[in-house]
Amino acid sequence: MRPARVGFLIPEFPQQTHISWWRVSEGMRLAGAHVQLLSTRRTKAPCPHPQLRRAAEQTFYLWPPSLDDLRTVVGVVHRLPSAIEYLKSLKGPRGIQRLKTIALALAALRLLRICRLQELDHLFFHSCADAAHVAALCRILGGPAYSLRLGGDLEAYGVDHDAKMRSATLIVPAAKSHERQVIKEAGVAPDRVMWSWVGTDTDEFYPRATAKDGGPLQIITVARLNPAKGHETMVRALALIRDRGLAFNCQFVGAGSFEPQIRRLVHEHRLERQIELLGSRCADEIAQLLRESDLFVLPTSGIGEGTPAAVCEAMSAGLPVIATKVGGLADMITEGVHGCLVPPGDAQALADAIVRVAQDSGFRRRTGAAARAKAVAQYDFRAVADKILDKIGQLTAYQHT
């Protein structure tokens, strides 16, 4: 049976990248579940999405704990030895781990109290990092069953994955390759693992109504400004296609600490007229920018890459995609069907792929239409939410037989 009252945790909520999994929580709501948003703590970073800022006002945060949370321990004294054994088993630098252990225990007590007050019967944690320990500890202390979302490669989410996942109902990795990691490295039974896309609003991200009539190729990439996202490779590739005489404009949407380096690189390659850095934008603005574009590019090379929400949104908007063969991107994009796949860090290969898309309007139309069809069929947040709730329900029913 599907869970009726779900606690849906997104760490350090709200942030720019949380929009896709917030949509999944809304999909669970539309599917009939009562959903209570949870988070570890409220981020200090600005969030461009107004719907996330509103949702934050209805979110329960696990830090800092209150005196009432600490009183919860009175009713679970008989379970404390098991919780202590769990905490003692965790690895990591001992001094840091001891401090972390205290924080995890306090957050678990607060979570347990929230679960009781809200009568939650399942927890879905969009985290396989330290927050996953809080879900496991809450379960040990008598809290509800829990499931975990793994957003990328296991190595990007710390250690002790076997402990985090041992009692989880379901693990939801971002890609097939991550599913294999969970089974092999964390020892989770295959029937408790189901990889899934992120959630996209295919009604909001839709293609432009009329075909573009000439002009330079309009390229867009949406990603935080971080070295792992490949903006440096992108700038070098764009310099190559400029030198080959291709007319284009390119927009970088996103913010981050790597912005000064990117601006310096743009200046060094004399691309100030072709590349525009737009900073963070809300979902409505991104949807409009995608409709005004001809091609989406994500040259990421980082560990931990899953199935990026930005690619789901671009495909939903009917854009061909050029991306790198990392993480779950090869699961999303079939070469020549939805766009092109190139090796990470290879500016020449990226430039060649962009030129191919630019010079073949029929290829652009075919791949864009195929990308849209796949997004509608597989990426919509309502379908993702249904899939997860169904699987949790099946596993819960099996565990109770």
Protein backbone atom coordinates (compact mmCIF):
# COMPACT_ATOMS: atom_id res chain seq x y z
CA MET A 1 0.00 0.00 0.00
CA ARG A 2 1.28 3.49 -0.87
CA PRO A 3 2.31 5.70 2.07
CA ALA A 4 -0.45 8.14 3.00
CA ARG A 5 1.57 10.74 4.93
CA VAL A 6 5.05 11.42 3.61
CA GLY A 7 7.85 13.49 5.10
CA PHE A 8 9.83 14.75 2.09
CA LEU A 9 13.30 16.03 3.03
CA ILE A 10 15.48 18.24 0.82
CA PRO A 11 18.75 19.32 2.55
CA GLU A 12 19.43 23.04 3.07
CA PHE A 13 16.21 24.07 1.38
CA PRO A 14 15.52 26.17 -0.67
CA GLN A 15 18.20 26.46 -3.35
CA GLN A 16 18.26 26.95 -7.13
CA THR A 17 18.74 23.23 -7.86
CA HIS A 18 15.92 22.05 -5.56
CA ILE A 19 13.13 22.90 -7.98
CA SER A 20 13.00 19.46 -9.64
CA TRP A 21 12.63 17.46 -6.42
CA TRP A 22 10.21 19.97 -4.94
CA ARG A 23 8.12 19.24 -8.05
CA VAL A 24 8.23 15.51 -7.19
CA SER A 25 6.93 16.32 -3.71
CA GLU A 26 4.08 18.20 -5.39
CA GLY A 27 3.51 15.19 -7.64
CA MET A 28 3.09 13.03 -4.55
CA ARG A 29 0.57 15.55 -3.26
CA LEU A 30 -1.37 15.40 -6.53
CA ALA A 31 -1.30 11.60 -6.29
CA GLY A 32 -3.19 11.82 -2.99
CA ALA A 33 -0.46 11.68 -0.35
CA HIS A 34 -0.24 14.22 2.46
CA VAL A 35 3.29 15.64 2.07
CA GLN A 36 5.19 17.52 4.75
CA LEU A 37 8.35 19.23 3.54
CA LEU A 38 11.40 18.80 5.76
CA SER A 39 14.96 20.09 5.56
CA THR A 40 18.17 19.93 7.54
CA ARG A 41 18.45 23.71 7.88
CA ARG A 42 17.45 26.78 5.94
CA THR A 43 20.07 27.94 3.47
CA LYS A 44 21.37 31.50 3.57
CA ALA A 45 21.89 31.57 -0.19
CA PRO A 46 19.29 33.48 -2.24
CA CYS A 47 16.81 31.32 -4.18
CA PRO A 48 15.36 32.63 -7.46
CA HIS A 49 12.25 30.42 -7.42
CA PRO A 50 9.27 32.13 -5.70
CA GLN A 51 7.41 28.82 -5.26
CA LEU A 52 10.36 27.43 -3.27
CA ARG A 53 10.54 30.53 -1.09
CA ARG A 54 6.84 30.10 -0.30
CA ALA A 55 7.32 26.38 0.37
CA ALA A 56 10.14 27.16 2.80
CA GLU A 57 7.64 28.90 5.07
CA GLN A 58 5.79 25.58 5.47
CA THR A 59 8.94 23.48 5.94
CA PHE A 60 10.07 21.90 9.20
CA TYR A 61 13.81 22.26 9.74
CA LEU A 62 15.83 19.73 11.75
CA TRP A 63 18.39 22.24 12.96
CA PRO A 64 18.63 23.77 15.44
CA PRO A 65 16.86 21.40 17.87
CA SER A 66 14.65 22.65 20.72
CA LEU A 67 14.21 21.62 24.33
CA ASP A 68 10.96 19.86 23.39
CA ASP A 69 12.90 17.75 20.89
CA LEU A 70 15.35 16.68 23.60
CA ARG A 71 12.47 15.58 25.83
CA THR A 72 11.56 13.03 23.14
CA VAL A 73 14.45 10.90 24.40
CA VAL A 74 12.45 10.01 27.53
CA GLY A 75 10.09 7.82 25.52
CA VAL A 76 12.79 6.01 23.57
CA VAL A 77 15.32 5.17 26.29
CA HIS A 78 15.02 1.45 25.51
CA ARG A 79 16.08 2.13 21.91
CA LEU A 80 19.14 4.26 22.75
CA PRO A 81 21.65 1.33 22.88
CA SER A 82 20.88 0.50 19.24
CA ALA A 83 21.21 4.15 18.21
CA ILE A 84 24.51 4.46 20.06
CA GLU A 85 25.85 1.32 18.35
CA TYR A 86 24.88 2.78 14.99
CA LEU A 87 26.70 6.04 15.71
CA LYS A 88 29.79 4.25 17.04
CA SER A 89 30.03 2.26 13.82
CA LEU A 90 30.42 5.33 11.62
CA LYS A 91 33.80 5.98 10.07
CA GLY A 92 35.67 9.20 9.33
CA PRO A 93 38.15 11.47 11.18
CA ARG A 94 37.48 10.73 14.82
CA GLY A 95 37.40 14.31 16.12
CA ILE A 96 35.11 15.51 13.37
CA GLN A 97 33.02 12.34 13.58
CA ARG A 98 32.36 12.82 17.30
CA LEU A 99 31.00 16.32 16.70
CA LYS A 100 29.00 15.08 13.74
CA THR A 101 27.58 12.25 15.83
CA ILE A 102 26.12 14.69 18.35
CA ALA A 103 24.50 16.73 15.57
CA LEU A 104 23.06 13.61 13.92
CA ALA A 105 21.58 12.37 17.19
CA LEU A 106 19.94 15.71 17.97
CA ALA A 107 18.53 16.04 14.46
CA ALA A 108 17.14 12.48 14.66
CA LEU A 109 15.34 13.30 17.92
CA ARG A 110 13.80 16.38 16.34
CA LEU A 111 12.80 14.40 13.27
CA LEU A 112 11.19 11.74 15.47
CA ARG A 113 9.13 14.39 17.24
CA ILE A 114 8.02 15.94 13.94
CA CYS A 115 7.04 12.52 12.58
CA ARG A 116 4.85 11.91 15.62
CA LEU A 117 3.25 15.35 15.54
CA GLN A 118 2.53 15.10 11.80
CA GLU A 119 1.67 11.38 11.94
CA LEU A 120 4.08 10.64 9.07
CA ASP A 121 4.20 7.04 7.91
CA HIS A 122 7.14 7.29 5.48
CA LEU A 123 10.17 9.52 4.96
CA PHE A 124 11.62 10.23 1.54
CA PHE A 125 15.08 11.82 1.82
CA HIS A 126 16.53 13.49 -1.27
CA SER A 127 19.97 12.76 0.19
CA CYS A 128 22.50 9.97 0.57
CA ALA A 129 24.95 12.18 2.46
CA ASP A 130 24.89 12.81 6.25
CA ALA A 131 21.16 13.54 6.25
CA ALA A 132 20.58 9.88 5.38
CA HIS A 133 22.04 8.95 8.78
CA VAL A 134 19.33 11.06 10.41
CA ALA A 135 16.63 9.03 8.64
CA ALA A 136 18.29 5.76 9.70
CA LEU A 137 18.64 6.92 13.32
CA CYS A 138 15.05 8.11 13.44
CA ARG A 139 13.97 4.65 12.27
CA ILE A 140 16.08 2.99 14.98
CA LEU A 141 14.44 5.24 17.57
CA GLY A 142 10.97 4.13 16.49
CA GLY A 143 10.27 6.50 13.63
CA PRO A 144 8.70 5.63 10.26
CA ALA A 145 10.21 3.70 7.39
CA TYR A 146 12.36 5.72 4.99
CA SER A 147 13.65 5.78 1.42
CA LEU A 148 16.68 7.58 -0.02
CA ARG A 149 17.51 9.38 -3.26
CA LEU A 150 21.08 9.05 -4.57
CA GLY A 151 21.82 11.97 -6.87
CA GLY A 152 25.09 10.74 -8.40
CA ASP A 153 28.15 8.57 -7.83
CA LEU A 154 28.35 7.06 -4.34
CA GLU A 155 31.82 8.46 -3.73
CA ALA A 156 30.43 12.00 -3.85
CA TYR A 157 28.20 11.35 -0.83
CA GLY A 158 30.63 10.37 1.90
CA VAL A 159 31.06 6.94 3.48
CA ASP A 160 29.07 4.41 5.52
CA HIS A 161 26.57 3.85 2.72
CA ASP A 162 25.87 0.33 3.94
CA ALA A 163 24.72 1.75 7.29
CA LYS A 164 22.56 4.46 5.70
CA MET A 165 20.88 2.07 3.31
CA ARG A 166 20.62 -1.11 5.39
CA SER A 167 17.10 -0.44 6.70
CA ALA A 168 15.84 1.77 3.87
CA THR A 169 12.71 0.61 2.08
CA LEU A 170 13.88 1.90 -1.29
CA ILE A 171 17.01 3.50 -2.78
CA VAL A 172 16.38 5.72 -5.83
CA PRO A 173 19.65 6.35 -7.73
CA ALA A 174 19.84 8.92 -10.52
CA ALA A 175 21.11 6.58 -13.25
CA LYS A 176 21.68 2.96 -14.21
CA SER A 177 25.39 3.23 -13.37
CA HIS A 178 24.57 4.48 -9.88
CA GLU A 179 22.06 1.66 -9.43
CA ARG A 180 24.90 -0.81 -10.02
CA GLN A 181 27.06 1.01 -7.45
CA VAL A 182 24.35 0.77 -4.79
CA ILE A 183 23.93 -2.96 -5.36
CA LYS A 184 27.64 -3.79 -5.59
CA GLU A 185 29.28 -1.34 -3.18
CA ALA A 186 26.57 -0.78 -0.57
CA GLY A 187 25.24 -4.33 -0.68
CA VAL A 188 21.59 -3.39 -1.23
CA ALA A 189 19.32 -6.09 -2.64
CA PRO A 190 18.44 -5.33 -6.29
CA ASP A 191 14.70 -5.40 -5.58
CA ARG A 192 15.12 -2.43 -3.20
CA VAL A 193 16.83 -0.27 -5.85
CA MET A 194 15.06 1.64 -8.63
CA TRP A 195 16.77 4.37 -10.60
CA SER A 196 14.66 7.33 -11.67
CA TRP A 197 14.84 10.64 -13.47
CA VAL A 198 14.24 13.92 -11.68
CA GLY A 199 10.86 15.63 -12.07
CA THR A 200 10.11 18.18 -14.81
CA ASP A 201 6.96 20.19 -15.40
CA THR A 202 6.38 19.40 -19.06
CA ASP A 203 3.45 21.83 -19.12
CA GLU A 204 5.75 24.70 -18.13
CA PHE A 205 8.73 23.65 -20.26
CA TYR A 206 7.31 23.39 -23.78
CA PRO A 207 8.70 24.17 -27.27
CA ARG A 208 8.23 27.49 -29.01
CA ALA A 209 5.12 27.63 -31.17
CA THR A 210 6.74 28.65 -34.48
CA ALA A 211 10.03 27.72 -36.13
CA LYS A 212 12.89 30.20 -35.92
CA ASP A 213 13.45 32.25 -39.05
CA GLY A 214 17.22 32.46 -39.63
CA GLY A 215 19.77 34.36 -37.56
CA PRO A 216 22.73 33.20 -35.46
CA LEU A 217 22.56 29.86 -33.62
CA GLN A 218 21.22 30.51 -30.12
CA ILE A 219 23.00 28.26 -27.59
CA ILE A 220 22.15 27.95 -23.91
CA THR A 221 23.57 26.09 -20.93
CA VAL A 222 21.98 26.02 -17.48
CA ALA A 223 24.28 24.93 -14.65
CA ARG A 224 25.88 26.28 -11.52
CA LEU A 225 29.19 28.04 -12.22
CA ASN A 226 31.47 25.32 -10.91
CA PRO A 227 34.62 23.84 -12.53
CA ALA A 228 32.93 20.42 -12.69
CA LYS A 229 30.24 21.71 -15.04
CA GLY A 230 32.66 22.23 -17.92
CA HIS A 231 32.21 25.92 -18.70
CA GLU A 232 35.94 26.18 -19.44
CA THR A 233 35.63 23.49 -22.12
CA MET A 234 32.56 25.27 -23.44
CA VAL A 235 34.37 28.59 -23.84
CA ARG A 236 37.27 26.93 -25.67
CA ALA A 237 34.83 25.11 -27.97
CA LEU A 238 32.98 28.32 -28.74
CA ALA A 239 36.26 30.02 -29.64
CA LEU A 240 36.92 27.20 -32.11
CA ILE A 241 33.54 27.54 -33.81
CA ARG A 242 33.89 31.34 -33.92
CA ASP A 243 37.18 30.84 -35.75
CA ARG A 244 35.38 28.52 -38.19
CA GLY A 245 32.99 31.33 -39.09
CA LEU A 246 29.84 30.08 -37.35
CA ALA A 247 27.56 32.88 -36.14
CA PHE A 248 26.16 32.21 -32.66
CA ASN A 249 25.12 33.68 -29.35
CA CYS A 250 25.46 31.76 -26.09
CA GLN A 251 23.87 32.27 -22.68
CA PHE A 252 25.23 30.82 -19.44
CA VAL A 253 22.44 30.60 -16.86
CA GLY A 254 23.56 29.95 -13.29
CA ALA A 255 25.65 31.38 -10.49
CA GLY A 256 28.61 30.20 -8.49
CA SER A 257 32.11 30.80 -7.23
CA PHE A 258 33.70 30.05 -10.63
CA GLU A 259 32.19 33.15 -12.25
CA PRO A 260 35.36 35.35 -12.13
CA GLN A 261 37.40 32.62 -13.84
CA ILE A 262 34.78 32.15 -16.52
CA ARG A 263 34.59 35.89 -17.21
CA ARG A 264 38.39 36.01 -17.45
CA LEU A 265 38.38 33.10 -19.91
CA VAL A 266 35.67 34.73 -22.02
CA HIS A 267 37.78 37.89 -22.17
CA GLU A 268 40.95 35.97 -23.07
CA HIS A 269 39.18 34.33 -26.01
CA ARG A 270 37.57 37.64 -27.08
CA LEU A 271 34.05 36.22 -26.80
CA GLU A 272 32.38 39.04 -24.86
CA ARG A 273 30.01 39.74 -27.78
CA GLN A 274 28.93 36.11 -28.13
CA ILE A 275 28.73 34.88 -24.50
CA GLU A 276 26.40 36.37 -21.91
CA LEU A 277 26.41 35.37 -18.23
CA LEU A 278 22.86 35.78 -16.93
CA GLY A 279 23.22 34.56 -13.34
CA SER A 280 20.48 32.60 -11.57
CA ARG A 281 16.99 32.74 -13.01
CA CYS A 282 13.62 31.44 -11.81
CA ALA A 283 11.90 28.53 -13.53
CA ASP A 284 9.58 30.77 -15.59
CA GLU A 285 12.51 32.76 -16.93
CA ILE A 286 14.50 29.61 -17.73
CA ALA A 287 11.52 28.14 -19.58
CA GLN A 288 11.27 31.29 -21.71
CA LEU A 289 15.02 31.35 -22.40
CA LEU A 290 14.88 27.72 -23.54
CA ARG A 291 12.02 28.52 -25.93
CA GLU A 292 14.16 31.26 -27.45
CA SER A 293 17.14 28.90 -27.96
CA ASP A 294 18.14 26.45 -30.68
CA LEU A 295 20.51 24.17 -28.79
CA PHE A 296 21.24 23.15 -25.19
CA VAL A 297 24.80 22.22 -24.19
CA LEU A 298 26.02 20.69 -20.92
CA PRO A 299 29.76 19.85 -21.05
CA THR A 300 29.93 18.58 -17.45
CA SER A 301 32.80 16.40 -16.31
CA GLY A 302 32.20 16.14 -12.59
CA ILE A 303 31.98 13.19 -10.25
CA GLY A 304 28.47 12.81 -8.90
CA GLU A 305 26.64 13.86 -12.07
CA GLY A 306 23.29 12.11 -12.31
CA THR A 307 20.44 12.93 -14.66
CA PRO A 308 20.53 16.75 -14.55
CA ALA A 309 17.25 18.60 -14.17
CA ALA A 310 18.47 21.22 -16.65
CA VAL A 311 18.77 18.58 -19.37
CA CYS A 312 15.28 17.25 -18.58
CA GLU A 313 13.92 20.79 -18.90
CA ALA A 314 15.77 21.47 -22.14
CA MET A 315 14.48 18.24 -23.68
CA SER A 316 10.98 19.08 -22.47
CA ALA A 317 11.34 22.43 -24.26
CA GLY A 318 12.07 20.57 -27.49
CA LEU A 319 15.77 21.36 -27.76
CA PRO A 320 18.45 19.04 -29.12
CA VAL A 321 21.06 18.44 -26.42
CA ILE A 322 24.83 18.12 -26.63
CA ALA A 323 26.25 16.65 -23.43
CA THR A 324 29.16 14.62 -22.17
CA LYS A 325 29.29 10.88 -21.55
CA VAL A 326 29.26 11.06 -17.75
CA GLY A 327 26.82 9.95 -15.05
CA GLY A 328 23.33 9.30 -16.37
CA LEU A 329 23.56 11.54 -19.45
CA ALA A 330 23.99 8.54 -21.75
CA ASP A 331 20.72 7.18 -20.31
CA MET A 332 18.99 10.43 -21.24
CA ILE A 333 20.44 11.11 -24.67
CA THR A 334 20.74 8.59 -27.49
CA GLU A 335 23.38 9.70 -29.96
CA GLY A 336 21.75 11.03 -33.10
CA VAL A 337 18.24 10.66 -31.67
CA HIS A 338 18.01 13.34 -28.96
CA GLY A 339 21.28 15.16 -29.78
CA CYS A 340 24.96 14.33 -29.43
CA LEU A 341 27.28 12.88 -26.78
CA VAL A 342 30.94 13.92 -26.56
CA PRO A 343 33.86 13.01 -24.28
CA PRO A 344 34.27 15.27 -21.22
CA GLY A 345 36.94 17.96 -21.47
CA ASP A 346 37.26 17.63 -25.27
CA ALA A 347 36.75 21.12 -26.71
CA GLN A 348 37.33 19.99 -30.31
CA ALA A 349 34.72 17.23 -30.12
CA LEU A 350 32.26 19.67 -28.54
CA ALA A 351 32.92 22.25 -31.25
CA ASP A 352 32.40 19.63 -33.98
CA ALA A 353 29.07 18.57 -32.44
CA ILE A 354 27.84 22.17 -32.23
CA VAL A 355 28.76 22.78 -35.88
CA ARG A 356 26.93 19.59 -36.88
CA VAL A 357 23.74 20.76 -35.15
CA ALA A 358 24.11 24.30 -36.50
CA GLN A 359 24.52 23.25 -40.12
CA ASP A 360 21.70 20.67 -40.26
CA SER A 361 18.29 22.20 -39.55
CA GLY A 362 16.58 18.87 -40.23
CA PHE A 363 18.73 17.22 -37.57
CA ARG A 364 17.78 20.00 -35.13
CA ARG A 365 14.08 19.51 -35.79
CA ARG A 366 14.18 15.70 -35.54
CA THR A 367 16.28 15.54 -32.37
CA GLY A 368 14.33 18.35 -30.72
CA ALA A 369 11.02 16.59 -31.39
CA ALA A 370 12.40 13.28 -30.09
CA ALA A 371 13.73 15.01 -26.97
CA ARG A 372 10.33 16.52 -26.27
CA ALA A 373 8.57 13.17 -26.75
CA LYS A 374 10.91 11.43 -24.31
CA ALA A 375 10.51 14.18 -21.72
CA VAL A 376 6.71 14.01 -21.85
CA ALA A 377 6.75 10.21 -21.61
CA GLN A 378 9.37 9.81 -18.86
CA TYR A 379 10.43 13.03 -17.11
CA ASP A 380 7.15 14.58 -16.00
CA PHE A 381 7.13 15.14 -12.23
CA ARG A 382 3.73 13.49 -11.83
CA ALA A 383 4.92 10.28 -13.49
CA VAL A 384 8.13 10.26 -11.39
CA ALA A 385 6.15 10.73 -8.16
CA ASP A 386 3.72 7.95 -9.10
CA LYS A 387 6.56 5.59 -9.93
CA ILE A 388 8.27 6.16 -6.57
CA LEU A 389 5.07 5.89 -4.53
CA ASP A 390 4.07 2.70 -6.35
CA LYS A 391 7.43 1.06 -5.69
CA ILE A 392 7.43 2.05 -2.01
CA GLY A 393 3.91 0.66 -1.74
CA GLN A 394 4.90 -2.63 -3.36
CA LEU A 395 7.94 -3.07 -1.11
CA THR A 396 5.97 -2.13 2.01
CA ALA A 397 3.28 -4.68 1.17
CA TYR A 398 5.93 -7.35 0.54
CA GLN A 399 7.73 -6.62 3.81
CA HIS A 400 4.48 -7.04 5.74
CA THR A 401 3.60 -10.42 4.22
